[in-house]
Amino acid sequence: MLTTREKKLLQKLAHKLKPLIQIGKNGVTPSTIANIDKTLKDHELIKIKYLEHKAEKMTLTRQILEETGSELINRIGNTITLYRESPNPEKREINLSRKQITKQR
C-alpha cells in the first residue's frame, strides 16, 4: 500500500507519460491482462486509456487491479495510471524510499 505522498510523487512522474495500453471494444480479456502484466514488469508505472466501455471503467479497473496486483495512482477522464514495483531490485526504474522518489535510467 502506497502512502498519499508516494502517490502524489508518482502522479508527477506519470504526468508526461502517454498511455501504453488501450482498452477497446473487447474490454478486459485474459490477453489484455497478460499485456498489462508484462508492461508493468517492464515499466512499473503505466497509463491505460479506455476507448470503449466508459460506463464500466471502474468495474474494469478493479478487475485489472486485482488480477495484476497493481495500485491505482490516478484516474482522469478515461485514463488511469497504475503502479506495481518490480520484484527484481535490479530492474526497478522508480526508487520509492522515505527520503526520495527518483526515476532511475
PDB file of N, CA and C in Angstrom:
ATOM      1  N   MET A   1       0.837  -1.183   0.000  1.00  0.00           N
ATOM      2  CA  MET A   1       0.000   0.000   0.000  1.00  0.00           C
ATOM      3  C   MET A   1       0.880   1.244   0.000  1.00  0.00           C
ATOM      4  N   LEU A   2       0.617   2.128  -0.916  1.00  0.00           N
ATOM      5  CA  LEU A   2       1.398   3.356  -1.031  1.00  0.00           C
ATOM      6  C   LEU A   2       0.797   4.451  -0.156  1.00  0.00           C
ATOM      7  N   THR A   3       1.655   5.329   0.329  1.00  0.00           N
ATOM      8  CA  THR A   3       1.189   6.475   1.097  1.00  0.00           C
ATOM      9  C   THR A   3       0.688   7.546   0.134  1.00  0.00           C
ATOM     10  N   THR A   4      -0.029   8.516   0.667  1.00  0.00           N
ATOM     11  CA  THR A   4      -0.524   9.619  -0.148  1.00  0.00           C
ATOM     12  C   THR A   4       0.639  10.377  -0.766  1.00  0.00           C
ATOM     13  N   ARG A   5       1.694  10.565  -0.011  1.00  0.00           N
ATOM     14  CA  ARG A   5       2.882  11.275  -0.506  1.00  0.00           C
ATOM     15  C   ARG A   5       3.498  10.536  -1.695  1.00  0.00           C
ATOM     16  N   GLU A   6       3.614   9.220  -1.573  1.00  0.00           N
ATOM     17  CA  GLU A   6       4.189   8.429  -2.663  1.00  0.00           C
ATOM     18  C   GLU A   6       3.304   8.488  -3.905  1.00  0.00           C
ATOM     19  N   LYS A   7       1.982   8.439  -3.704  1.00  0.00           N
ATOM     20  CA  LYS A   7       1.066   8.517  -4.845  1.00  0.00           C
ATOM     21  C   LYS A   7       1.172   9.868  -5.543  1.00  0.00           C
ATOM     22  N   LYS A   8       1.270  10.938  -4.779  1.00  0.00           N
ATOM     23  CA  LYS A   8       1.399  12.274  -5.368  1.00  0.00           C
ATOM     24  C   LYS A   8       2.679  12.385  -6.193  1.00  0.00           C
ATOM     25  N   LEU A   9       3.764  11.851  -5.668  1.00  0.00           N
ATOM     26  CA  LEU A   9       5.024  11.919  -6.401  1.00  0.00           C
ATOM     27  C   LEU A   9       5.004  11.016  -7.638  1.00  0.00           C
ATOM     28  N   LEU A  10       4.331   9.886  -7.552  1.00  0.00           N
ATOM     29  CA  LEU A  10       4.181   9.028  -8.731  1.00  0.00           C
ATOM     30  C   LEU A  10       3.300   9.705  -9.783  1.00  0.00           C
ATOM     31  N   GLN A  11       2.308  10.471  -9.346  1.00  0.00           N
ATOM     32  CA  GLN A  11       1.483  11.231 -10.287  1.00  0.00           C
ATOM     33  C   GLN A  11       2.332  12.221 -11.067  1.00  0.00           C
ATOM     34  N   LYS A  12       3.273  12.855 -10.376  1.00  0.00           N
ATOM     35  CA  LYS A  12       4.171  13.800 -11.054  1.00  0.00           C
ATOM     36  C   LYS A  12       5.020  13.090 -12.101  1.00  0.00           C
ATOM     37  N   LEU A  13       5.529  11.910 -11.757  1.00  0.00           N
ATOM     38  CA  LEU A  13       6.326  11.148 -12.720  1.00  0.00           C
ATOM     39  C   LEU A  13       5.480  10.697 -13.909  1.00  0.00           C
ATOM     40  N   ALA A  14       4.219  10.385 -13.660  1.00  0.00           N
ATOM     41  CA  ALA A  14       3.345   9.862 -14.713  1.00  0.00           C
ATOM     42  C   ALA A  14       2.776  10.952 -15.608  1.00  0.00           C
ATOM     43  N   HIS A  15       2.875  12.193 -15.193  1.00  0.00           N
ATOM     44  CA  HIS A  15       2.253  13.284 -15.937  1.00  0.00           C
ATOM     45  C   HIS A  15       2.661  13.304 -17.406  1.00  0.00           C
ATOM     46  N   LYS A  16       3.917  13.088 -17.682  1.00  0.00           N
ATOM     47  CA  LYS A  16       4.418  13.183 -19.057  1.00  0.00           C
ATOM     48  C   LYS A  16       4.251  11.884 -19.858  1.00  0.00           C
ATOM     49  N   LEU A  17       3.797  10.823 -19.208  1.00  0.00           N
ATOM     50  CA  LEU A  17       3.655   9.534 -19.890  1.00  0.00           C
ATOM     51  C   LEU A  17       2.455   9.518 -20.828  1.00  0.00           C
ATOM     52  N   LYS A  18       2.583   8.783 -21.908  1.00  0.00           N
ATOM     53  CA  LYS A  18       1.478   8.523 -22.826  1.00  0.00           C
ATOM     54  C   LYS A  18       0.883   7.159 -22.465  1.00  0.00           C
ATOM     55  N   PRO A  19      -0.407   6.951 -22.730  1.00  0.00           N
ATOM     56  CA  PRO A  19      -0.997   5.632 -22.462  1.00  0.00           C
ATOM     57  C   PRO A  19      -0.321   4.546 -23.299  1.00  0.00           C
ATOM     58  N   LEU A  20       0.123   3.484 -22.643  1.00  0.00           N
ATOM     59  CA  LEU A  20       0.777   2.375 -23.335  1.00  0.00           C
ATOM     60  C   LEU A  20      -0.221   1.299 -23.739  1.00  0.00           C
ATOM     61  N   ILE A  21      -1.386   1.281 -23.104  1.00  0.00           N
ATOM     62  CA  ILE A  21      -2.390   0.255 -23.371  1.00  0.00           C
ATOM     63  C   ILE A  21      -3.738   0.936 -23.562  1.00  0.00           C
ATOM     64  N   GLN A  22      -4.508   0.401 -24.515  1.00  0.00           N
ATOM     65  CA  GLN A  22      -5.855   0.899 -24.756  1.00  0.00           C
ATOM     66  C   GLN A  22      -6.846  -0.241 -24.580  1.00  0.00           C
ATOM     67  N   ILE A  23      -7.932   0.046 -23.876  1.00  0.00           N
ATOM     68  CA  ILE A  23      -8.998  -0.930 -23.686  1.00  0.00           C
ATOM     69  C   ILE A  23     -10.082  -0.596 -24.700  1.00  0.00           C
ATOM     70  N   GLY A  24     -10.290  -1.485 -25.657  1.00  0.00           N
ATOM     71  CA  GLY A  24     -11.237  -1.240 -26.743  1.00  0.00           C
ATOM     72  C   GLY A  24     -12.531  -2.005 -26.589  1.00  0.00           C
ATOM     73  N   LYS A  25     -13.118  -2.359 -27.734  1.00  0.00           N
ATOM     74  CA  LYS A  25     -14.451  -2.968 -27.743  1.00  0.00           C
ATOM     75  C   LYS A  25     -14.504  -4.340 -27.081  1.00  0.00           C
ATOM     76  N   ASN A  26     -13.388  -5.058 -27.023  1.00  0.00           N
ATOM     77  CA  ASN A  26     -13.378  -6.381 -26.399  1.00  0.00           C
ATOM     78  C   ASN A  26     -13.284  -6.314 -24.880  1.00  0.00           C
ATOM     79  N   GLY A  27     -13.039  -5.146 -24.336  1.00  0.00           N
ATOM     80  CA  GLY A  27     -12.952  -4.991 -22.887  1.00  0.00           C
ATOM     81  C   GLY A  27     -11.676  -5.597 -22.325  1.00  0.00           C
ATOM     82  N   VAL A  28     -11.754  -6.062 -21.093  1.00  0.00           N
ATOM     83  CA  VAL A  28     -10.597  -6.640 -20.412  1.00  0.00           C
ATOM     84  C   VAL A  28     -10.646  -8.157 -20.597  1.00  0.00           C
ATOM     85  N   THR A  29      -9.797  -8.652 -21.471  1.00  0.00           N
ATOM     86  CA  THR A  29      -9.714 -10.083 -21.763  1.00  0.00           C
ATOM     87  C   THR A  29      -8.463 -10.651 -21.094  1.00  0.00           C
ATOM     88  N   PRO A  30      -8.330 -11.974 -21.039  1.00  0.00           N
ATOM     89  CA  PRO A  30      -7.096 -12.551 -20.483  1.00  0.00           C
ATOM     90  C   PRO A  30      -5.831 -12.073 -21.200  1.00  0.00           C
ATOM     91  N   SER A  31      -5.924 -11.857 -22.510  1.00  0.00           N
ATOM     92  CA  SER A  31      -4.743 -11.355 -23.229  1.00  0.00           C
ATOM     93  C   SER A  31      -4.446  -9.901 -22.861  1.00  0.00           C
ATOM     94  N   THR A  32      -5.489  -9.123 -22.587  1.00  0.00           N
ATOM     95  CA  THR A  32      -5.288  -7.741 -22.138  1.00  0.00           C
ATOM     96  C   THR A  32      -4.596  -7.734 -20.781  1.00  0.00           C
ATOM     97  N   ILE A  33      -5.049  -8.591 -19.877  1.00  0.00           N
ATOM     98  CA  ILE A  33      -4.433  -8.695 -18.546  1.00  0.00           C
ATOM     99  C   ILE A  33      -2.971  -9.105 -18.677  1.00  0.00           C
ATOM    100  N   ALA A  34      -2.687 -10.071 -19.548  1.00  0.00           N
ATOM    101  CA  ALA A  34      -1.301 -10.518 -19.756  1.00  0.00           C
ATOM    102  C   ALA A  34      -0.445  -9.382 -20.303  1.00  0.00           C
ATOM    103  N   ASN A  35      -1.015  -8.587 -21.206  1.00  0.00           N
ATOM    104  CA  ASN A  35      -0.295  -7.449 -21.777  1.00  0.00           C
ATOM    105  C   ASN A  35      -0.020  -6.385 -20.710  1.00  0.00           C
ATOM    106  N   ILE A  36      -1.011  -6.098 -19.877  1.00  0.00           N
ATOM    107  CA  ILE A  36      -0.833  -5.128 -18.790  1.00  0.00           C
ATOM    108  C   ILE A  36       0.228  -5.629 -17.818  1.00  0.00           C
ATOM    109  N   ASP A  37       0.168  -6.915 -17.486  1.00  0.00           N
ATOM    110  CA  ASP A  37       1.135  -7.514 -16.563  1.00  0.00           C
ATOM    111  C   ASP A  37       2.560  -7.379 -17.098  1.00  0.00           C
ATOM    112  N   LYS A  38       2.747  -7.680 -18.375  1.00  0.00           N
ATOM    113  CA  LYS A  38       4.076  -7.575 -18.994  1.00  0.00           C
ATOM    114  C   LYS A  38       4.552  -6.123 -19.020  1.00  0.00           C
ATOM    115  N   THR A  39       3.649  -5.215 -19.350  1.00  0.00           N
ATOM    116  CA  THR A  39       4.008  -3.797 -19.404  1.00  0.00           C
ATOM    117  C   THR A  39       4.382  -3.281 -18.019  1.00  0.00           C
ATOM    118  N   LEU A  40       3.669  -3.720 -16.983  1.00  0.00           N
ATOM    119  CA  LEU A  40       4.023  -3.329 -15.615  1.00  0.00           C
ATOM    120  C   LEU A  40       5.387  -3.880 -15.217  1.00  0.00           C
ATOM    121  N   LYS A  41       5.715  -5.089 -15.657  1.00  0.00           N
ATOM    122  CA  LYS A  41       7.037  -5.651 -15.368  1.00  0.00           C
ATOM    123  C   LYS A  41       8.133  -4.823 -16.020  1.00  0.00           C
ATOM    124  N   ASP A  42       7.856  -4.330 -17.223  1.00  0.00           N
ATOM    125  CA  ASP A  42       8.855  -3.563 -17.969  1.00  0.00           C
ATOM    126  C   ASP A  42       8.983  -2.118 -17.496  1.00  0.00           C
ATOM    127  N   HIS A  43       7.852  -1.498 -17.113  1.00  0.00           N
ATOM    128  CA  HIS A  43       7.857  -0.051 -16.850  1.00  0.00           C
ATOM    129  C   HIS A  43       7.504   0.360 -15.426  1.00  0.00           C
ATOM    130  N   GLU A  44       6.843  -0.463 -14.671  1.00  0.00           N
ATOM    131  CA  GLU A  44       6.384  -0.188 -13.304  1.00  0.00           C
ATOM    132  C   GLU A  44       5.245   0.830 -13.243  1.00  0.00           C
ATOM    133  N   LEU A  45       5.341   1.929 -13.951  1.00  0.00           N
ATOM    134  CA  LEU A  45       4.344   2.995 -13.928  1.00  0.00           C
ATOM    135  C   LEU A  45       3.791   3.149 -15.341  1.00  0.00           C
ATOM    136  N   ILE A  46       2.486   2.904 -15.509  1.00  0.00           N
ATOM    137  CA  ILE A  46       1.900   2.951 -16.852  1.00  0.00           C
ATOM    138  C   ILE A  46       0.557   3.671 -16.837  1.00  0.00           C
ATOM    139  N   LYS A  47       0.160   4.115 -18.026  1.00  0.00           N
ATOM    140  CA  LYS A  47      -1.168   4.681 -18.217  1.00  0.00           C
ATOM    141  C   LYS A  47      -1.957   3.769 -19.146  1.00  0.00           C
ATOM    142  N   ILE A  48      -3.246   3.659 -18.861  1.00  0.00           N
ATOM    143  CA  ILE A  48      -4.166   2.871 -19.677  1.00  0.00           C
ATOM    144  C   ILE A  48      -5.334   3.774 -20.053  1.00  0.00           C
ATOM    145  N   LYS A  49      -5.709   3.741 -21.330  1.00  0.00           N
ATOM    146  CA  LYS A  49      -6.814   4.571 -21.811  1.00  0.00           C
ATOM    147  C   LYS A  49      -7.989   3.686 -22.209  1.00  0.00           C
ATOM    148  N   TYR A  50      -9.185   4.076 -21.767  1.00  0.00           N
ATOM    149  CA  TYR A  50     -10.415   3.386 -22.149  1.00  0.00           C
ATOM    150  C   TYR A  50     -10.984   4.055 -23.396  1.00  0.00           C
ATOM    151  N   LEU A  51     -11.100   3.293 -24.482  1.00  0.00           N
ATOM    152  CA  LEU A  51     -11.709   3.800 -25.702  1.00  0.00           C
ATOM    153  C   LEU A  51     -13.192   3.440 -25.747  1.00  0.00           C
ATOM    154  N   GLU A  52     -13.531   2.304 -25.180  1.00  0.00           N
ATOM    155  CA  GLU A  52     -14.907   1.801 -25.106  1.00  0.00           C
ATOM    156  C   GLU A  52     -15.190   1.463 -23.640  1.00  0.00           C
ATOM    157  N   HIS A  53     -16.398   1.031 -23.359  1.00  0.00           N
ATOM    158  CA  HIS A  53     -16.794   0.593 -22.007  1.00  0.00           C
ATOM    159  C   HIS A  53     -16.570   1.690 -20.967  1.00  0.00           C
ATOM    160  N   LYS A  54     -16.801   2.929 -21.361  1.00  0.00           N
ATOM    161  CA  LYS A  54     -16.523   4.038 -20.453  1.00  0.00           C
ATOM    162  C   LYS A  54     -17.433   4.022 -19.222  1.00  0.00           C
ATOM    163  N   ALA A  55     -18.647   3.521 -19.372  1.00  0.00           N
ATOM    164  CA  ALA A  55     -19.571   3.463 -18.236  1.00  0.00           C
ATOM    165  C   ALA A  55     -19.132   2.422 -17.209  1.00  0.00           C
ATOM    166  N   GLU A  56     -18.406   1.406 -17.658  1.00  0.00           N
ATOM    167  CA  GLU A  56     -17.984   0.325 -16.767  1.00  0.00           C
ATOM    168  C   GLU A  56     -16.518   0.432 -16.374  1.00  0.00           C
ATOM    169  N   LYS A  57     -15.914   1.568 -16.576  1.00  0.00           N
ATOM    170  CA  LYS A  57     -14.459   1.655 -16.381  1.00  0.00           C
ATOM    171  C   LYS A  57     -14.017   1.397 -14.942  1.00  0.00           C
ATOM    172  N   MET A  58     -14.816   1.757 -13.947  1.00  0.00           N
ATOM    173  CA  MET A  58     -14.392   1.492 -12.564  1.00  0.00           C
ATOM    174  C   MET A  58     -14.440  -0.002 -12.252  1.00  0.00           C
ATOM    175  N   THR A  59     -15.445  -0.698 -12.772  1.00  0.00           N
ATOM    176  CA  THR A  59     -15.516  -2.152 -12.586  1.00  0.00           C
ATOM    177  C   THR A  59     -14.341  -2.829 -13.276  1.00  0.00           C
ATOM    178  N   LEU A  60     -14.051  -2.397 -14.498  1.00  0.00           N
ATOM    179  CA  LEU A  60     -12.925  -2.967 -15.244  1.00  0.00           C
ATOM    180  C   LEU A  60     -11.596  -2.626 -14.572  1.00  0.00           C
ATOM    181  N   THR A  61     -11.496  -1.421 -14.022  1.00  0.00           N
ATOM    182  CA  THR A  61     -10.269  -1.019 -13.330  1.00  0.00           C
ATOM    183  C   THR A  61     -10.042  -1.900 -12.102  1.00  0.00           C
ATOM    184  N   ARG A  62     -11.098  -2.159 -11.336  1.00  0.00           N
ATOM    185  CA  ARG A  62     -10.966  -3.045 -10.166  1.00  0.00           C
ATOM    186  C   ARG A  62     -10.504  -4.437 -10.582  1.00  0.00           C
ATOM    187  N   GLN A  63     -11.049  -4.925 -11.696  1.00  0.00           N
ATOM    188  CA  GLN A  63     -10.645  -6.239 -12.208  1.00  0.00           C
ATOM    189  C   GLN A  63      -9.160  -6.243 -12.570  1.00  0.00           C
ATOM    190  N   ILE A  64      -8.707  -5.189 -13.239  1.00  0.00           N
ATOM    191  CA  ILE A  64      -7.292  -5.081 -13.619  1.00  0.00           C
ATOM    192  C   ILE A  64      -6.414  -5.050 -12.374  1.00  0.00           C
ATOM    193  N   LEU A  65      -6.804  -4.247 -11.376  1.00  0.00           N
ATOM    194  CA  LEU A  65      -6.019  -4.130 -10.143  1.00  0.00           C
ATOM    195  C   LEU A  65      -5.907  -5.468  -9.426  1.00  0.00           C
ATOM    196  N   GLU A  66      -7.007  -6.196  -9.345  1.00  0.00           N
ATOM    197  CA  GLU A  66      -6.998  -7.494  -8.663  1.00  0.00           C
ATOM    198  C   GLU A  66      -6.140  -8.517  -9.398  1.00  0.00           C
ATOM    199  N   GLU A  67      -6.263  -8.548 -10.723  1.00  0.00           N
ATOM    200  CA  GLU A  67      -5.579  -9.587 -11.489  1.00  0.00           C
ATOM    201  C   GLU A  67      -4.096  -9.301 -11.722  1.00  0.00           C
ATOM    202  N   THR A  68      -3.695  -8.032 -11.643  1.00  0.00           N
ATOM    203  CA  THR A  68      -2.285  -7.701 -11.876  1.00  0.00           C
ATOM    204  C   THR A  68      -1.534  -7.388 -10.586  1.00  0.00           C
ATOM    205  N   GLY A  69      -2.248  -7.162  -9.488  1.00  0.00           N
ATOM    206  CA  GLY A  69      -1.589  -6.816  -8.234  1.00  0.00           C
ATOM    207  C   GLY A  69      -0.999  -5.418  -8.243  1.00  0.00           C
ATOM    208  N   SER A  70      -1.563  -4.548  -9.056  1.00  0.00           N
ATOM    209  CA  SER A  70      -1.056  -3.177  -9.153  1.00  0.00           C
ATOM    210  C   SER A  70      -1.897  -2.244  -8.286  1.00  0.00           C
ATOM    211  N   GLU A  71      -1.451  -0.993  -8.201  1.00  0.00           N
ATOM    212  CA  GLU A  71      -2.171   0.014  -7.424  1.00  0.00           C
ATOM    213  C   GLU A  71      -2.595   1.151  -8.332  1.00  0.00           C
ATOM    214  N   LEU A  72      -3.796   1.651  -8.099  1.00  0.00           N
ATOM    215  CA  LEU A  72      -4.303   2.788  -8.851  1.00  0.00           C
ATOM    216  C   LEU A  72      -3.665   4.060  -8.303  1.00  0.00           C
ATOM    217  N   ILE A  73      -2.997   4.790  -9.163  1.00  0.00           N
ATOM    218  CA  ILE A  73      -2.343   6.032  -8.764  1.00  0.00           C
ATOM    219  C   ILE A  73      -3.238   7.223  -9.058  1.00  0.00           C
ATOM    220  N   ASN A  74      -3.896   7.185 -10.220  1.00  0.00           N
ATOM    221  CA  ASN A  74      -4.673   8.340 -10.640  1.00  0.00           C
ATOM    222  C   ASN A  74      -5.714   7.905 -11.661  1.00  0.00           C
ATOM    223  N   ARG A  75      -6.819   8.645 -11.702  1.00  0.00           N
ATOM    224  CA  ARG A  75      -7.844   8.436 -12.722  1.00  0.00           C
ATOM    225  C   ARG A  75      -8.312   9.802 -13.174  1.00  0.00           C
ATOM    226  N   ILE A  76      -8.069  10.097 -14.440  1.00  0.00           N
ATOM    227  CA  ILE A  76      -8.520  11.360 -15.016  1.00  0.00           C
ATOM    228  C   ILE A  76      -9.269  11.027 -16.295  1.00  0.00           C
ATOM    229  N   GLY A  77     -10.550  11.351 -16.329  1.00  0.00           N
ATOM    230  CA  GLY A  77     -11.355  11.060 -17.511  1.00  0.00           C
ATOM    231  C   GLY A  77     -11.362   9.578 -17.815  1.00  0.00           C
ATOM    232  N   ASN A  78     -10.915   9.232 -19.004  1.00  0.00           N
ATOM    233  CA  ASN A  78     -10.898   7.837 -19.437  1.00  0.00           C
ATOM    234  C   ASN A  78      -9.507   7.229 -19.368  1.00  0.00           C
ATOM    235  N   THR A  79      -8.622   7.836 -18.603  1.00  0.00           N
ATOM    236  CA  THR A  79      -7.250   7.348 -18.467  1.00  0.00           C
ATOM    237  C   THR A  79      -6.950   7.050 -17.001  1.00  0.00           C
ATOM    238  N   ILE A  80      -6.351   5.872 -16.773  1.00  0.00           N
ATOM    239  CA  ILE A  80      -5.933   5.509 -15.418  1.00  0.00           C
ATOM    240  C   ILE A  80      -4.418   5.315 -15.404  1.00  0.00           C
ATOM    241  N   THR A  81      -3.827   5.556 -14.253  1.00  0.00           N
ATOM    242  CA  THR A  81      -2.395   5.347 -14.061  1.00  0.00           C
ATOM    243  C   THR A  81      -2.220   4.261 -13.012  1.00  0.00           C
ATOM    244  N   LEU A  82      -1.403   3.253 -13.344  1.00  0.00           N
ATOM    245  CA  LEU A  82      -1.158   2.131 -12.443  1.00  0.00           C
ATOM    246  C   LEU A  82       0.318   2.036 -12.102  1.00  0.00           C
ATOM    247  N   TYR A  83       0.598   1.509 -10.911  1.00  0.00           N
ATOM    248  CA  TYR A  83       1.975   1.285 -10.473  1.00  0.00           C
ATOM    249  C   TYR A  83       2.073  -0.085  -9.823  1.00  0.00           C
ATOM    250  N   ARG A  84       3.148  -0.776 -10.148  1.00  0.00           N
ATOM    251  CA  ARG A  84       3.498  -2.017  -9.452  1.00  0.00           C
ATOM    252  C   ARG A  84       5.017  -2.103  -9.423  1.00  0.00           C
ATOM    253  N   GLU A  85       5.553  -2.194  -8.217  1.00  0.00           N
ATOM    254  CA  GLU A  85       7.001  -2.263  -8.052  1.00  0.00           C
ATOM    255  C   GLU A  85       7.534  -3.558  -8.657  1.00  0.00           C
ATOM    256  N   SER A  86       8.641  -3.445  -9.358  1.00  0.00           N
ATOM    257  CA  SER A  86       9.274  -4.615  -9.956  1.00  0.00           C
ATOM    258  C   SER A  86       9.787  -5.538  -8.860  1.00  0.00           C
ATOM    259  N   PRO A  87       9.541  -6.853  -8.985  1.00  0.00           N
ATOM    260  CA  PRO A  87      10.038  -7.782  -7.965  1.00  0.00           C
ATOM    261  C   PRO A  87      11.558  -7.914  -7.976  1.00  0.00           C
ATOM    262  N   ASN A  88      12.175  -7.572  -9.090  1.00  0.00           N
ATOM    263  CA  ASN A  88      13.627  -7.650  -9.223  1.00  0.00           C
ATOM    264  C   ASN A  88      14.237  -6.281  -8.899  1.00  0.00           C
ATOM    265  N   PRO A  89      14.977  -6.143  -7.798  1.00  0.00           N
ATOM    266  CA  PRO A  89      15.543  -4.841  -7.419  1.00  0.00           C
ATOM    267  C   PRO A  89      16.452  -4.233  -8.489  1.00  0.00           C
ATOM    268  N   GLU A  90      17.090  -5.057  -9.290  1.00  0.00           N
ATOM    269  CA  GLU A  90      17.987  -4.538 -10.325  1.00  0.00           C
ATOM    270  C   GLU A  90      17.230  -3.896 -11.481  1.00  0.00           C
ATOM    271  N   LYS A  91      15.978  -4.276 -11.680  1.00  0.00           N
ATOM    272  CA  LYS A  91      15.187  -3.752 -12.791  1.00  0.00           C
ATOM    273  C   LYS A  91      14.260  -2.613 -12.378  1.00  0.00           C
ATOM    274  N   ARG A  92      14.316  -2.203 -11.131  1.00  0.00           N
ATOM    275  CA  ARG A  92      13.437  -1.126 -10.675  1.00  0.00           C
ATOM    276  C   ARG A  92      13.858   0.198 -11.294  1.00  0.00           C
ATOM    277  N   GLU A  93      12.907   0.834 -11.947  1.00  0.00           N
ATOM    278  CA  GLU A  93      13.160   2.143 -12.538  1.00  0.00           C
ATOM    279  C   GLU A  93      12.833   3.263 -11.560  1.00  0.00           C
ATOM    280  N   ILE A  94      11.916   2.995 -10.647  1.00  0.00           N
ATOM    281  CA  ILE A  94      11.473   4.011  -9.699  1.00  0.00           C
ATOM    282  C   ILE A  94      11.884   3.572  -8.304  1.00  0.00           C
ATOM    283  N   ASN A  95      12.615   4.434  -7.621  1.00  0.00           N
ATOM    284  CA  ASN A  95      13.082   4.143  -6.272  1.00  0.00           C
ATOM    285  C   ASN A  95      12.163   4.845  -5.279  1.00  0.00           C
ATOM    286  N   LEU A  96      11.343   4.075  -4.581  1.00  0.00           N
ATOM    287  CA  LEU A  96      10.463   4.639  -3.558  1.00  0.00           C
ATOM    288  C   LEU A  96      11.111   4.449  -2.198  1.00  0.00           C
ATOM    289  N   SER A  97      11.488   5.537  -1.585  1.00  0.00           N
ATOM    290  CA  SER A  97      12.026   5.470  -0.231  1.00  0.00           C
ATOM    291  C   SER A  97      11.443   6.631   0.558  1.00  0.00           C
ATOM    292  N   ARG A  98      11.647   6.614   1.846  1.00  0.00           N
ATOM    293  CA  ARG A  98      11.089   7.676   2.685  1.00  0.00           C
ATOM    294  C   ARG A  98      11.699   9.042   2.375  1.00  0.00           C
ATOM    295  N   LYS A  99      12.946   9.056   1.970  1.00  0.00           N
ATOM    296  CA  LYS A  99      13.629  10.327   1.752  1.00  0.00           C
ATOM    297  C   LYS A  99      13.494  10.827   0.318  1.00  0.00           C
ATOM    298  N   GLN A 100      13.373   9.900  -0.633  1.00  0.00           N
ATOM    299  CA  GLN A 100      13.404  10.338  -2.025  1.00  0.00           C
ATOM    300  C   GLN A 100      12.563   9.424  -2.904  1.00  0.00           C
ATOM    301  N   ILE A 101      12.095  10.002  -3.978  1.00  0.00           N
ATOM    302  CA  ILE A 101      11.460   9.221  -5.029  1.00  0.00           C
ATOM    303  C   ILE A 101      12.111   9.692  -6.319  1.00  0.00           C
ATOM    304  N   THR A 102      12.837   8.797  -6.942  1.00  0.00           N
ATOM    305  CA  THR A 102      13.542   9.154  -8.167  1.00  0.00           C
ATOM    306  C   THR A 102      13.280   8.115  -9.231  1.00  0.00           C
ATOM    307  N   LYS A 103      13.338   8.569 -10.458  1.00  0.00           N
ATOM    308  CA  LYS A 103      13.232   7.654 -11.591  1.00  0.00           C
ATOM    309  C   LYS A 103      14.636   7.393 -12.067  1.00  0.00           C
ATOM    310  N   GLN A 104      15.030   6.127 -12.007  1.00  0.00           N
ATOM    311  CA  GLN A 104      16.365   5.749 -12.436  1.00  0.00           C
ATOM    312  C   GLN A 104      16.342   5.501 -13.932  1.00  0.00           C
ATOM    313  N   ARG A 105      17.507   5.551 -14.558  1.00  0.00           N
ATOM    314  CA  ARG A 105      17.705   5.364 -16.001  1.00  0.00           C
ATOM    315  C   ARG A 105      17.369   6.591 -16.768  1.00  0.00           C
TER     316      ARG A 105
END
